Amino acid sequence: MNLKIRAENIDLANALKSYVERRLHFSLSRFGDRLGLITVRISDLNGPRGGIDKACRISAELVPFGSVRVEDVDADLYTAIDRAAERLGRSFGRKLERAIESRRGRESVRTP
């Protein structure tokens, strides 16, 4: 998994970095070598003012099917990371399932 993590207006501590890595590994490990570049952007939208403003944006490539972008915002950064990682895993699953069904449909048309 080729992973880049960027933080905006948030201190990217080693604990947070390893949490993101573990969470993405859990959500995406079933896709194995189909995973391309994964970019995670973590930000605090309001800075020190507080509020529901911690964002996690993930863009990732599923080779050869294209890329997917997801985002979640929450008051708790870890919750935003969890939700975005889960959403990305579901999106990749649907994308892969559609590709498999499309291939099956084409194969059934070819056979007499």
PDB file of N, CA and C in Angstrom:
ATOM      1  N   MET A   1       0.857  -1.173   0.000  1.00  0.00           N
ATOM      2  CA  MET A   1       0.000   0.000   0.000  1.00  0.00           C
ATOM      3  C   MET A   1       0.909   1.244   0.000  1.00  0.00           C
ATOM      4  N   ASN A   2       0.792   2.064  -1.042  1.00  0.00           N
ATOM      5  CA  ASN A   2       1.555   3.301  -1.158  1.00  0.00           C
ATOM      6  C   ASN A   2       0.741   4.426  -0.534  1.00  0.00           C
ATOM      7  N   LEU A   3       1.130   4.863   0.653  1.00  0.00           N
ATOM      8  CA  LEU A   3       0.319   5.772   1.452  1.00  0.00           C
ATOM      9  C   LEU A   3       1.045   7.084   1.720  1.00  0.00           C
ATOM     10  N   LYS A   4       0.337   8.204   1.477  1.00  0.00           N
ATOM     11  CA  LYS A   4       0.828   9.534   1.828  1.00  0.00           C
ATOM     12  C   LYS A   4      -0.178  10.165   2.781  1.00  0.00           C
ATOM     13  N   ILE A   5       0.323  10.684   3.891  1.00  0.00           N
ATOM     14  CA  ILE A   5      -0.546  11.333   4.876  1.00  0.00           C
ATOM     15  C   ILE A   5      -0.099  12.785   5.021  1.00  0.00           C
ATOM     16  N   ARG A   6      -1.064  13.684   4.878  1.00  0.00           N
ATOM     17  CA  ARG A   6      -0.784  15.116   5.023  1.00  0.00           C
ATOM     18  C   ARG A   6      -1.699  15.693   6.088  1.00  0.00           C
ATOM     19  N   ALA A   7      -1.161  16.604   6.871  1.00  0.00           N
ATOM     20  CA  ALA A   7      -1.943  17.248   7.927  1.00  0.00           C
ATOM     21  C   ALA A   7      -1.942  18.746   7.714  1.00  0.00           C
ATOM     22  N   GLU A   8      -3.113  19.341   7.857  1.00  0.00           N
ATOM     23  CA  GLU A   8      -3.262  20.790   7.742  1.00  0.00           C
ATOM     24  C   GLU A   8      -3.882  21.309   9.038  1.00  0.00           C
ATOM     25  N   ASN A   9      -3.191  22.212   9.704  1.00  0.00           N
ATOM     26  CA  ASN A   9      -3.654  22.815  10.953  1.00  0.00           C
ATOM     27  C   ASN A   9      -3.789  21.806  12.089  1.00  0.00           C
ATOM     28  N   ILE A  10      -3.124  20.662  11.961  1.00  0.00           N
ATOM     29  CA  ILE A  10      -3.146  19.624  13.007  1.00  0.00           C
ATOM     30  C   ILE A  10      -1.741  19.060  13.132  1.00  0.00           C
ATOM     31  N   ASP A  11      -1.330  18.785  14.360  1.00  0.00           N
ATOM     32  CA  ASP A  11      -0.036  18.150  14.596  1.00  0.00           C
ATOM     33  C   ASP A  11      -0.167  16.664  14.279  1.00  0.00           C
ATOM     34  N   LEU A  12       0.607  16.194  13.317  1.00  0.00           N
ATOM     35  CA  LEU A  12       0.538  14.793  12.912  1.00  0.00           C
ATOM     36  C   LEU A  12       1.500  13.979  13.764  1.00  0.00           C
ATOM     37  N   ALA A  13       1.036  13.562  14.927  1.00  0.00           N
ATOM     38  CA  ALA A  13       1.847  12.767  15.838  1.00  0.00           C
ATOM     39  C   ALA A  13       1.984  11.351  15.289  1.00  0.00           C
ATOM     40  N   ASN A  14       3.006  10.651  15.755  1.00  0.00           N
ATOM     41  CA  ASN A  14       3.224   9.273  15.310  1.00  0.00           C
ATOM     42  C   ASN A  14       2.038   8.380  15.635  1.00  0.00           C
ATOM     43  N   ALA A  15       1.383   8.620  16.756  1.00  0.00           N
ATOM     44  CA  ALA A  15       0.223   7.809  17.132  1.00  0.00           C
ATOM     45  C   ALA A  15      -0.909   7.989  16.127  1.00  0.00           C
ATOM     46  N   LEU A  16      -1.147   9.208  15.701  1.00  0.00           N
ATOM     47  CA  LEU A  16      -2.202   9.475  14.728  1.00  0.00           C
ATOM     48  C   LEU A  16      -1.848   8.868  13.377  1.00  0.00           C
ATOM     49  N   LYS A  17      -0.596   8.988  12.981  1.00  0.00           N
ATOM     50  CA  LYS A  17      -0.136   8.424  11.720  1.00  0.00           C
ATOM     51  C   LYS A  17      -0.304   6.901  11.710  1.00  0.00           C
ATOM     52  N   SER A  18       0.088   6.239  12.776  1.00  0.00           N
ATOM     53  CA  SER A  18      -0.048   4.779  12.827  1.00  0.00           C
ATOM     54  C   SER A  18      -1.515   4.368  12.909  1.00  0.00           C
ATOM     55  N   TYR A  19      -2.354   5.199  13.531  1.00  0.00           N
ATOM     56  CA  TYR A  19      -3.791   4.899  13.583  1.00  0.00           C
ATOM     57  C   TYR A  19      -4.378   4.915  12.173  1.00  0.00           C
ATOM     58  N   VAL A  20      -4.025   5.927  11.385  1.00  0.00           N
ATOM     59  CA  VAL A  20      -4.513   6.012  10.002  1.00  0.00           C
ATOM     60  C   VAL A  20      -4.038   4.791   9.209  1.00  0.00           C
ATOM     61  N   GLU A  21      -2.781   4.428   9.345  1.00  0.00           N
ATOM     62  CA  GLU A  21      -2.245   3.264   8.629  1.00  0.00           C
ATOM     63  C   GLU A  21      -2.980   1.982   9.009  1.00  0.00           C
ATOM     64  N   ARG A  22      -3.192   1.766  10.306  1.00  0.00           N
ATOM     65  CA  ARG A  22      -3.900   0.559  10.770  1.00  0.00           C
ATOM     66  C   ARG A  22      -5.326   0.530  10.246  1.00  0.00           C
ATOM     67  N   ARG A  23      -5.996   1.663  10.314  1.00  0.00           N
ATOM     68  CA  ARG A  23      -7.403   1.743   9.904  1.00  0.00           C
ATOM     69  C   ARG A  23      -7.555   1.468   8.419  1.00  0.00           C
ATOM     70  N   LEU A  24      -6.674   2.046   7.605  1.00  0.00           N
ATOM     71  CA  LEU A  24      -6.733   1.796   6.166  1.00  0.00           C
ATOM     72  C   LEU A  24      -6.356   0.356   5.832  1.00  0.00           C
ATOM     73  N   HIS A  25      -5.373  -0.175   6.533  1.00  0.00           N
ATOM     74  CA  HIS A  25      -5.003  -1.576   6.308  1.00  0.00           C
ATOM     75  C   HIS A  25      -6.189  -2.491   6.602  1.00  0.00           C
ATOM     76  N   PHE A  26      -6.893  -2.213   7.678  1.00  0.00           N
ATOM     77  CA  PHE A  26      -8.060  -3.019   8.043  1.00  0.00           C
ATOM     78  C   PHE A  26      -9.153  -2.936   6.968  1.00  0.00           C
ATOM     79  N   SER A  27      -9.412  -1.734   6.455  1.00  0.00           N
ATOM     80  CA  SER A  27     -10.488  -1.530   5.491  1.00  0.00           C
ATOM     81  C   SER A  27     -10.127  -1.968   4.079  1.00  0.00           C
ATOM     82  N   LEU A  28      -8.839  -1.931   3.723  1.00  0.00           N
ATOM     83  CA  LEU A  28      -8.458  -2.134   2.332  1.00  0.00           C
ATOM     84  C   LEU A  28      -7.588  -3.354   2.066  1.00  0.00           C
ATOM     85  N   SER A  29      -7.207  -4.096   3.073  1.00  0.00           N
ATOM     86  CA  SER A  29      -6.268  -5.204   2.873  1.00  0.00           C
ATOM     87  C   SER A  29      -6.808  -6.267   1.912  1.00  0.00           C
ATOM     88  N   ARG A  30      -8.102  -6.412   1.805  1.00  0.00           N
ATOM     89  CA  ARG A  30      -8.671  -7.440   0.923  1.00  0.00           C
ATOM     90  C   ARG A  30      -8.469  -7.130  -0.557  1.00  0.00           C
ATOM     91  N   PHE A  31      -8.087  -5.886  -0.878  1.00  0.00           N
ATOM     92  CA  PHE A  31      -7.880  -5.515  -2.270  1.00  0.00           C
ATOM     93  C   PHE A  31      -6.435  -5.743  -2.717  1.00  0.00           C
ATOM     94  N   GLY A  32      -5.556  -6.029  -1.785  1.00  0.00           N
ATOM     95  CA  GLY A  32      -4.180  -6.431  -2.061  1.00  0.00           C
ATOM     96  C   GLY A  32      -3.443  -5.560  -3.054  1.00  0.00           C
ATOM     97  N   ASP A  33      -2.924  -6.191  -4.112  1.00  0.00           N
ATOM     98  CA  ASP A  33      -2.085  -5.483  -5.069  1.00  0.00           C
ATOM     99  C   ASP A  33      -2.874  -4.615  -6.042  1.00  0.00           C
ATOM    100  N   ARG A  34      -4.186  -4.571  -5.913  1.00  0.00           N
ATOM    101  CA  ARG A  34      -4.995  -3.680  -6.744  1.00  0.00           C
ATOM    102  C   ARG A  34      -4.943  -2.234  -6.269  1.00  0.00           C
ATOM    103  N   LEU A  35      -4.407  -2.025  -5.069  1.00  0.00           N
ATOM    104  CA  LEU A  35      -4.347  -0.677  -4.504  1.00  0.00           C
ATOM    105  C   LEU A  35      -3.194   0.106  -5.106  1.00  0.00           C
ATOM    106  N   GLY A  36      -3.483   1.326  -5.546  1.00  0.00           N
ATOM    107  CA  GLY A  36      -2.454   2.236  -6.028  1.00  0.00           C
ATOM    108  C   GLY A  36      -2.120   3.241  -4.941  1.00  0.00           C
ATOM    109  N   LEU A  37      -1.874   4.457  -5.336  1.00  0.00           N
ATOM    110  CA  LEU A  37      -1.538   5.522  -4.396  1.00  0.00           C
ATOM    111  C   LEU A  37      -2.751   5.904  -3.548  1.00  0.00           C
ATOM    112  N   ILE A  38      -2.537   6.006  -2.253  1.00  0.00           N
ATOM    113  CA  ILE A  38      -3.579   6.436  -1.323  1.00  0.00           C
ATOM    114  C   ILE A  38      -3.082   7.705  -0.634  1.00  0.00           C
ATOM    115  N   THR A  39      -3.858   8.781  -0.757  1.00  0.00           N
ATOM    116  CA  THR A  39      -3.497  10.054  -0.138  1.00  0.00           C
ATOM    117  C   THR A  39      -4.545  10.400   0.907  1.00  0.00           C
ATOM    118  N   VAL A  40      -4.094  10.651   2.127  1.00  0.00           N
ATOM    119  CA  VAL A  40      -4.972  11.010   3.239  1.00  0.00           C
ATOM    120  C   VAL A  40      -4.647  12.440   3.646  1.00  0.00           C
ATOM    121  N   ARG A  41      -5.677  13.274   3.702  1.00  0.00           N
ATOM    122  CA  ARG A  41      -5.511  14.653   4.164  1.00  0.00           C
ATOM    123  C   ARG A  41      -6.357  14.835   5.412  1.00  0.00           C
ATOM    124  N   ILE A  42      -5.693  15.204   6.480  1.00  0.00           N
ATOM    125  CA  ILE A  42      -6.359  15.427   7.749  1.00  0.00           C
ATOM    126  C   ILE A  42      -6.255  16.910   8.055  1.00  0.00           C
ATOM    127  N   SER A  43      -7.389  17.522   8.409  1.00  0.00           N
ATOM    128  CA  SER A  43      -7.333  18.961   8.673  1.00  0.00           C
ATOM    129  C   SER A  43      -8.317  19.371   9.760  1.00  0.00           C
ATOM    130  N   ASP A  44      -7.995  20.481  10.372  1.00  0.00           N
ATOM    131  CA  ASP A  44      -8.873  21.121  11.345  1.00  0.00           C
ATOM    132  C   ASP A  44      -9.392  22.376  10.660  1.00  0.00           C
ATOM    133  N   LEU A  45     -10.640  22.348  10.213  1.00  0.00           N
ATOM    134  CA  LEU A  45     -11.194  23.401   9.376  1.00  0.00           C
ATOM    135  C   LEU A  45     -11.306  24.744  10.089  1.00  0.00           C
ATOM    136  N   ASN A  46     -11.624  24.745  11.373  1.00  0.00           N
ATOM    137  CA  ASN A  46     -11.811  25.995  12.119  1.00  0.00           C
ATOM    138  C   ASN A  46     -10.616  26.370  12.982  1.00  0.00           C
ATOM    139  N   GLY A  47      -9.586  25.571  12.957  1.00  0.00           N
ATOM    140  CA  GLY A  47      -8.410  25.874  13.782  1.00  0.00           C
ATOM    141  C   GLY A  47      -8.736  25.784  15.257  1.00  0.00           C
ATOM    142  N   PRO A  48      -8.243  26.699  16.069  1.00  0.00           N
ATOM    143  CA  PRO A  48      -8.430  26.618  17.519  1.00  0.00           C
ATOM    144  C   PRO A  48      -9.829  27.009  17.997  1.00  0.00           C
ATOM    145  N   ARG A  49     -10.711  27.425  17.098  1.00  0.00           N
ATOM    146  CA  ARG A  49     -12.055  27.839  17.526  1.00  0.00           C
ATOM    147  C   ARG A  49     -12.925  26.675  17.982  1.00  0.00           C
ATOM    148  N   GLY A  50     -12.586  25.454  17.587  1.00  0.00           N
ATOM    149  CA  GLY A  50     -13.355  24.286  18.001  1.00  0.00           C
ATOM    150  C   GLY A  50     -14.559  24.043  17.114  1.00  0.00           C
ATOM    151  N   GLY A  51     -15.382  23.081  17.514  1.00  0.00           N
ATOM    152  CA  GLY A  51     -16.588  22.759  16.754  1.00  0.00           C
ATOM    153  C   GLY A  51     -16.420  21.499  15.918  1.00  0.00           C
ATOM    154  N   ILE A  52     -17.470  21.192  15.172  1.00  0.00           N
ATOM    155  CA  ILE A  52     -17.465  20.001  14.313  1.00  0.00           C
ATOM    156  C   ILE A  52     -16.685  20.359  13.059  1.00  0.00           C
ATOM    157  N   ASP A  53     -15.390  20.163  13.143  1.00  0.00           N
ATOM    158  CA  ASP A  53     -14.565  20.673  12.070  1.00  0.00           C
ATOM    159  C   ASP A  53     -13.328  19.851  11.746  1.00  0.00           C
ATOM    160  N   LYS A  54     -13.227  18.644  12.224  1.00  0.00           N
ATOM    161  CA  LYS A  54     -12.085  17.804  11.886  1.00  0.00           C
ATOM    162  C   LYS A  54     -12.452  17.007  10.639  1.00  0.00           C
ATOM    163  N   ALA A  55     -11.647  17.139   9.597  1.00  0.00           N
ATOM    164  CA  ALA A  55     -11.962  16.503   8.317  1.00  0.00           C
ATOM    165  C   ALA A  55     -10.900  15.477   7.952  1.00  0.00           C
ATOM    166  N   CYS A  56     -11.356  14.396   7.345  1.00  0.00           N
ATOM    167  CA  CYS A  56     -10.468  13.378   6.803  1.00  0.00           C
ATOM    168  C   CYS A  56     -10.894  13.144   5.362  1.00  0.00           C
ATOM    169  N   ARG A  57      -9.993  13.450   4.429  1.00  0.00           N
ATOM    170  CA  ARG A  57     -10.249  13.250   3.005  1.00  0.00           C
ATOM    171  C   ARG A  57      -9.288  12.184   2.507  1.00  0.00           C
ATOM    172  N   ILE A  58      -9.817  11.185   1.830  1.00  0.00           N
ATOM    173  CA  ILE A  58      -8.979  10.116   1.307  1.00  0.00           C
ATOM    174  C   ILE A  58      -9.245   9.973  -0.185  1.00  0.00           C
ATOM    175  N   SER A  59      -8.192   9.995  -0.960  1.00  0.00           N
ATOM    176  CA  SER A  59      -8.312   9.670  -2.376  1.00  0.00           C
ATOM    177  C   SER A  59      -7.401   8.471  -2.621  1.00  0.00           C
ATOM    178  N   ALA A  60      -7.928   7.494  -3.347  1.00  0.00           N
ATOM    179  CA  ALA A  60      -7.189   6.261  -3.552  1.00  0.00           C
ATOM    180  C   ALA A  60      -7.475   5.687  -4.929  1.00  0.00           C
ATOM    181  N   GLU A  61      -6.502   4.952  -5.448  1.00  0.00           N
ATOM    182  CA  GLU A  61      -6.626   4.317  -6.751  1.00  0.00           C
ATOM    183  C   GLU A  61      -6.850   2.827  -6.572  1.00  0.00           C
ATOM    184  N   LEU A  62      -7.790   2.302  -7.345  1.00  0.00           N
ATOM    185  CA  LEU A  62      -8.023   0.865  -7.415  1.00  0.00           C
ATOM    186  C   LEU A  62      -7.682   0.461  -8.842  1.00  0.00           C
ATOM    187  N   VAL A  63      -6.524  -0.139  -9.010  1.00  0.00           N
ATOM    188  CA  VAL A  63      -6.013  -0.483 -10.331  1.00  0.00           C
ATOM    189  C   VAL A  63      -6.751  -1.710 -10.839  1.00  0.00           C
ATOM    190  N   PRO A  64      -7.249  -1.752 -12.029  1.00  0.00           N
ATOM    191  CA  PRO A  64      -7.266  -0.762 -13.103  1.00  0.00           C
ATOM    192  C   PRO A  64      -8.596  -0.020 -13.193  1.00  0.00           C
ATOM    193  N   PHE A  65      -9.337   0.086 -12.120  1.00  0.00           N
ATOM    194  CA  PHE A  65     -10.712   0.584 -12.175  1.00  0.00           C
ATOM    195  C   PHE A  65     -10.867   2.074 -11.910  1.00  0.00           C
ATOM    196  N   GLY A  66      -9.820   2.780 -11.601  1.00  0.00           N
ATOM    197  CA  GLY A  66      -9.923   4.212 -11.371  1.00  0.00           C
ATOM    198  C   GLY A  66      -9.737   4.593  -9.913  1.00  0.00           C
ATOM    199  N   SER A  67     -10.104   5.819  -9.613  1.00  0.00           N
ATOM    200  CA  SER A  67      -9.882   6.321  -8.256  1.00  0.00           C
ATOM    201  C   SER A  67     -11.200   6.673  -7.578  1.00  0.00           C
ATOM    202  N   VAL A  68     -11.133   6.746  -6.260  1.00  0.00           N
ATOM    203  CA  VAL A  68     -12.294   7.063  -5.435  1.00  0.00           C
ATOM    204  C   VAL A  68     -11.846   8.109  -4.416  1.00  0.00           C
ATOM    205  N   ARG A  69     -12.728   9.080  -4.150  1.00  0.00           N
ATOM    206  CA  ARG A  69     -12.466  10.079  -3.118  1.00  0.00           C
ATOM    207  C   ARG A  69     -13.607  10.059  -2.121  1.00  0.00           C
ATOM    208  N   VAL A  70     -13.253  10.075  -0.845  1.00  0.00           N
ATOM    209  CA  VAL A  70     -14.251  10.121   0.216  1.00  0.00           C
ATOM    210  C   VAL A  70     -13.828  11.183   1.226  1.00  0.00           C
ATOM    211  N   GLU A  71     -14.808  11.674   1.971  1.00  0.00           N
ATOM    212  CA  GLU A  71     -14.533  12.677   2.993  1.00  0.00           C
ATOM    213  C   GLU A  71     -15.515  12.501   4.137  1.00  0.00           C
ATOM    214  N   ASP A  72     -15.040  12.762   5.333  1.00  0.00           N
ATOM    215  CA  ASP A  72     -15.921  12.781   6.492  1.00  0.00           C
ATOM    216  C   ASP A  72     -15.462  13.893   7.423  1.00  0.00           C
ATOM    217  N   VAL A  73     -16.437  14.534   8.069  1.00  0.00           N
ATOM    218  CA  VAL A  73     -16.158  15.619   9.007  1.00  0.00           C
ATOM    219  C   VAL A  73     -16.850  15.291  10.321  1.00  0.00           C
ATOM    220  N   ASP A  74     -16.138  15.480  11.420  1.00  0.00           N
ATOM    221  CA  ASP A  74     -16.694  15.193  12.735  1.00  0.00           C
ATOM    222  C   ASP A  74     -15.930  16.021  13.774  1.00  0.00           C
ATOM    223  N   ALA A  75     -16.496  16.142  14.953  1.00  0.00           N
ATOM    224  CA  ALA A  75     -15.815  16.837  16.039  1.00  0.00           C
ATOM    225  C   ALA A  75     -14.609  16.035  16.518  1.00  0.00           C
ATOM    226  N   ASP A  76     -14.693  14.698  16.418  1.00  0.00           N
ATOM    227  CA  ASP A  76     -13.605  13.811  16.820  1.00  0.00           C
ATOM    228  C   ASP A  76     -12.856  13.351  15.574  1.00  0.00           C
ATOM    229  N   LEU A  77     -11.567  13.623  15.509  1.00  0.00           N
ATOM    230  CA  LEU A  77     -10.770  13.279  14.338  1.00  0.00           C
ATOM    231  C   LEU A  77     -10.740  11.777  14.091  1.00  0.00           C
ATOM    232  N   TYR A  78     -10.652  10.989  15.140  1.00  0.00           N
ATOM    233  CA  TYR A  78     -10.593   9.531  14.984  1.00  0.00           C
ATOM    234  C   TYR A  78     -11.896   8.985  14.383  1.00  0.00           C
ATOM    235  N   THR A  79     -13.025   9.561  14.748  1.00  0.00           N
ATOM    236  CA  THR A  79     -14.306   9.154  14.169  1.00  0.00           C
ATOM    237  C   THR A  79     -14.350   9.497  12.680  1.00  0.00           C
ATOM    238  N   ALA A  80     -13.861  10.673  12.321  1.00  0.00           N
ATOM    239  CA  ALA A  80     -13.823  11.069  10.914  1.00  0.00           C
ATOM    240  C   ALA A  80     -12.941  10.124  10.110  1.00  0.00           C
ATOM    241  N   ILE A  81     -11.803   9.717  10.670  1.00  0.00           N
ATOM    242  CA  ILE A  81     -10.904   8.767   9.999  1.00  0.00           C
ATOM    243  C   ILE A  81     -11.591   7.425   9.835  1.00  0.00           C
ATOM    244  N   ASP A  82     -12.234   6.936  10.901  1.00  0.00           N
ATOM    245  CA  ASP A  82     -12.941   5.650  10.841  1.00  0.00           C
ATOM    246  C   ASP A  82     -14.000   5.633   9.749  1.00  0.00           C
ATOM    247  N   ARG A  83     -14.828   6.651   9.736  1.00  0.00           N
ATOM    248  CA  ARG A  83     -15.930   6.706   8.764  1.00  0.00           C
ATOM    249  C   ARG A  83     -15.419   6.810   7.336  1.00  0.00           C
ATOM    250  N   ALA A  84     -14.402   7.622   7.115  1.00  0.00           N
ATOM    251  CA  ALA A  84     -13.852   7.775   5.767  1.00  0.00           C
ATOM    252  C   ALA A  84     -13.217   6.464   5.290  1.00  0.00           C
ATOM    253  N   ALA A  85     -12.500   5.781   6.167  1.00  0.00           N
ATOM    254  CA  ALA A  85     -11.872   4.506   5.786  1.00  0.00           C
ATOM    255  C   ALA A  85     -12.929   3.451   5.475  1.00  0.00           C
ATOM    256  N   GLU A  86     -13.986   3.385   6.284  1.00  0.00           N
ATOM    257  CA  GLU A  86     -15.069   2.435   6.018  1.00  0.00           C
ATOM    258  C   GLU A  86     -15.752   2.738   4.691  1.00  0.00           C
ATOM    259  N   ARG A  87     -16.031   4.005   4.454  1.00  0.00           N
ATOM    260  CA  ARG A  87     -16.687   4.419   3.211  1.00  0.00           C
ATOM    261  C   ARG A  87     -15.822   4.070   1.999  1.00  0.00           C
ATOM    262  N   LEU A  88     -14.515   4.254   2.117  1.00  0.00           N
ATOM    263  CA  LEU A  88     -13.601   3.929   1.022  1.00  0.00           C
ATOM    264  C   LEU A  88     -13.609   2.429   0.745  1.00  0.00           C
ATOM    265  N   GLY A  89     -13.576   1.615   1.789  1.00  0.00           N
ATOM    266  CA  GLY A  89     -13.627   0.160   1.612  1.00  0.00           C
ATOM    267  C   GLY A  89     -14.912  -0.284   0.928  1.00  0.00           C
ATOM    268  N   ARG A  90     -16.044   0.290   1.326  1.00  0.00           N
ATOM    269  CA  ARG A  90     -17.322  -0.053   0.688  1.00  0.00           C
ATOM    270  C   ARG A  90     -17.349   0.388  -0.768  1.00  0.00           C
ATOM    271  N   SER A  91     -16.825   1.572  -1.048  1.00  0.00           N
ATOM    272  CA  SER A  91     -16.804   2.077  -2.419  1.00  0.00           C
ATOM    273  C   SER A  91     -15.945   1.192  -3.318  1.00  0.00           C
ATOM    274  N   PHE A  92     -14.779   0.791  -2.828  1.00  0.00           N
ATOM    275  CA  PHE A  92     -13.930  -0.103  -3.607  1.00  0.00           C
ATOM    276  C   PHE A  92     -14.615  -1.448  -3.824  1.00  0.00           C
ATOM    277  N   GLY A  93     -15.286  -1.945  -2.800  1.00  0.00           N
ATOM    278  CA  GLY A  93     -16.001  -3.216  -2.936  1.00  0.00           C
ATOM    279  C   GLY A  93     -17.073  -3.145  -4.009  1.00  0.00           C
ATOM    280  N   ARG A  94     -17.845  -2.073  -4.014  1.00  0.00           N
ATOM    281  CA  ARG A  94     -18.883  -1.901  -5.041  1.00  0.00           C
ATOM    282  C   ARG A  94     -18.276  -1.778  -6.430  1.00  0.00           C
ATOM    283  N   LYS A  95     -17.197  -1.017  -6.532  1.00  0.00           N
ATOM    284  CA  LYS A  95     -16.537  -0.821  -7.823  1.00  0.00           C
ATOM    285  C   LYS A  95     -16.019  -2.148  -8.373  1.00  0.00           C
ATOM    286  N   LEU A  96     -15.416  -2.945  -7.535  1.00  0.00           N
ATOM    287  CA  LEU A  96     -14.885  -4.244  -7.943  1.00  0.00           C
ATOM    288  C   LEU A  96     -16.022  -5.203  -8.293  1.00  0.00           C
ATOM    289  N   GLU A  97     -17.086  -5.183  -7.499  1.00  0.00           N
ATOM    290  CA  GLU A  97     -18.241  -6.040  -7.761  1.00  0.00           C
ATOM    291  C   GLU A  97     -18.881  -5.702  -9.107  1.00  0.00           C
ATOM    292  N   ARG A  98     -19.029  -4.425  -9.411  1.00  0.00           N
ATOM    293  CA  ARG A  98     -19.599  -4.011 -10.701  1.00  0.00           C
ATOM    294  C   ARG A  98     -18.728  -4.475 -11.860  1.00  0.00           C
ATOM    295  N   ALA A  99     -17.417  -4.382 -11.696  1.00  0.00           N
ATOM    296  CA  ALA A  99     -16.503  -4.808 -12.757  1.00  0.00           C
ATOM    297  C   ALA A  99     -16.614  -6.316 -12.991  1.00  0.00           C
ATOM    298  N   ILE A 100     -16.735  -7.080 -11.926  1.00  0.00           N
ATOM    299  CA  ILE A 100     -16.867  -8.533 -12.052  1.00  0.00           C
ATOM    300  C   ILE A 100     -18.189  -8.886 -12.707  1.00  0.00           C
ATOM    301  N   GLU A 101     -19.274  -8.242 -12.290  1.00  0.00           N
ATOM    302  CA  GLU A 101     -20.586  -8.506 -12.893  1.00  0.00           C
ATOM    303  C   GLU A 101     -20.618  -8.108 -14.357  1.00  0.00           C
ATOM    304  N   SER A 102     -19.960  -7.020 -14.699  1.00  0.00           N
ATOM    305  CA  SER A 102     -19.901  -6.577 -16.086  1.00  0.00           C
ATOM    306  C   SER A 102     -19.152  -7.596 -16.937  1.00  0.00           C
ATOM    307  N   ARG A 103     -18.068  -8.122 -16.394  1.00  0.00           N
ATOM    308  CA  ARG A 103     -17.289  -9.133 -17.116  1.00  0.00           C
ATOM    309  C   ARG A 103     -18.118 -10.403 -17.308  1.00  0.00           C
ATOM    310  N   ARG A 104     -18.839 -10.812 -16.284  1.00  0.00           N
ATOM    311  CA  ARG A 104     -19.700 -12.006 -16.401  1.00  0.00           C
ATOM    312  C   ARG A 104     -20.778 -11.805 -17.456  1.00  0.00           C
ATOM    313  N   GLY A 105     -21.339 -10.594 -17.506  1.00  0.00           N
ATOM    314  CA  GLY A 105     -22.365 -10.291 -18.496  1.00  0.00           C
ATOM    315  C   GLY A 105     -21.827 -10.379 -19.907  1.00  0.00           C
ATOM    316  N   ARG A 106     -20.633  -9.889 -20.126  1.00  0.00           N
ATOM    317  CA  ARG A 106     -20.022  -9.955 -21.459  1.00  0.00           C
ATOM    318  C   ARG A 106     -19.700 -11.393 -21.830  1.00  0.00           C
ATOM    319  N   GLU A 107     -19.256 -12.198 -20.866  1.00  0.00           N
ATOM    320  CA  GLU A 107     -18.912 -13.591 -21.156  1.00  0.00           C
ATOM    321  C   GLU A 107     -20.144 -14.403 -21.495  1.00  0.00           C
ATOM    322  N   SER A 108     -21.266 -14.133 -20.821  1.00  0.00           N
ATOM    323  CA  SER A 108     -22.478 -14.904 -21.104  1.00  0.00           C
ATOM    324  C   SER A 108     -23.057 -14.554 -22.478  1.00  0.00           C
ATOM    325  N   VAL A 109     -22.796 -13.373 -22.966  1.00  0.00           N
ATOM    326  CA  VAL A 109     -23.278 -12.977 -24.281  1.00  0.00           C
ATOM    327  C   VAL A 109     -22.466 -13.697 -25.364  1.00  0.00           C
ATOM    328  N   ARG A 110     -21.198 -13.940 -25.123  1.00  0.00           N
ATOM    329  CA  ARG A 110     -20.337 -14.591 -26.097  1.00  0.00           C
ATOM    330  C   ARG A 110     -20.652 -16.076 -26.274  1.00  0.00           C
ATOM    331  N   THR A 111     -21.008 -16.741 -25.228  1.00  0.00           N
ATOM    332  CA  THR A 111     -21.238 -18.188 -25.319  1.00  0.00           C
ATOM    333  C   THR A 111     -22.582 -18.476 -25.974  1.00  0.00           C
ATOM    334  N   PRO A 112     -22.612 -19.426 -26.919  1.00  0.00           N
ATOM    335  CA  PRO A 112     -23.881 -19.756 -27.621  1.00  0.00           C
ATOM    336  C   PRO A 112     -24.839 -20.523 -26.773  1.00  0.00           C
TER     337      PRO A 112
END
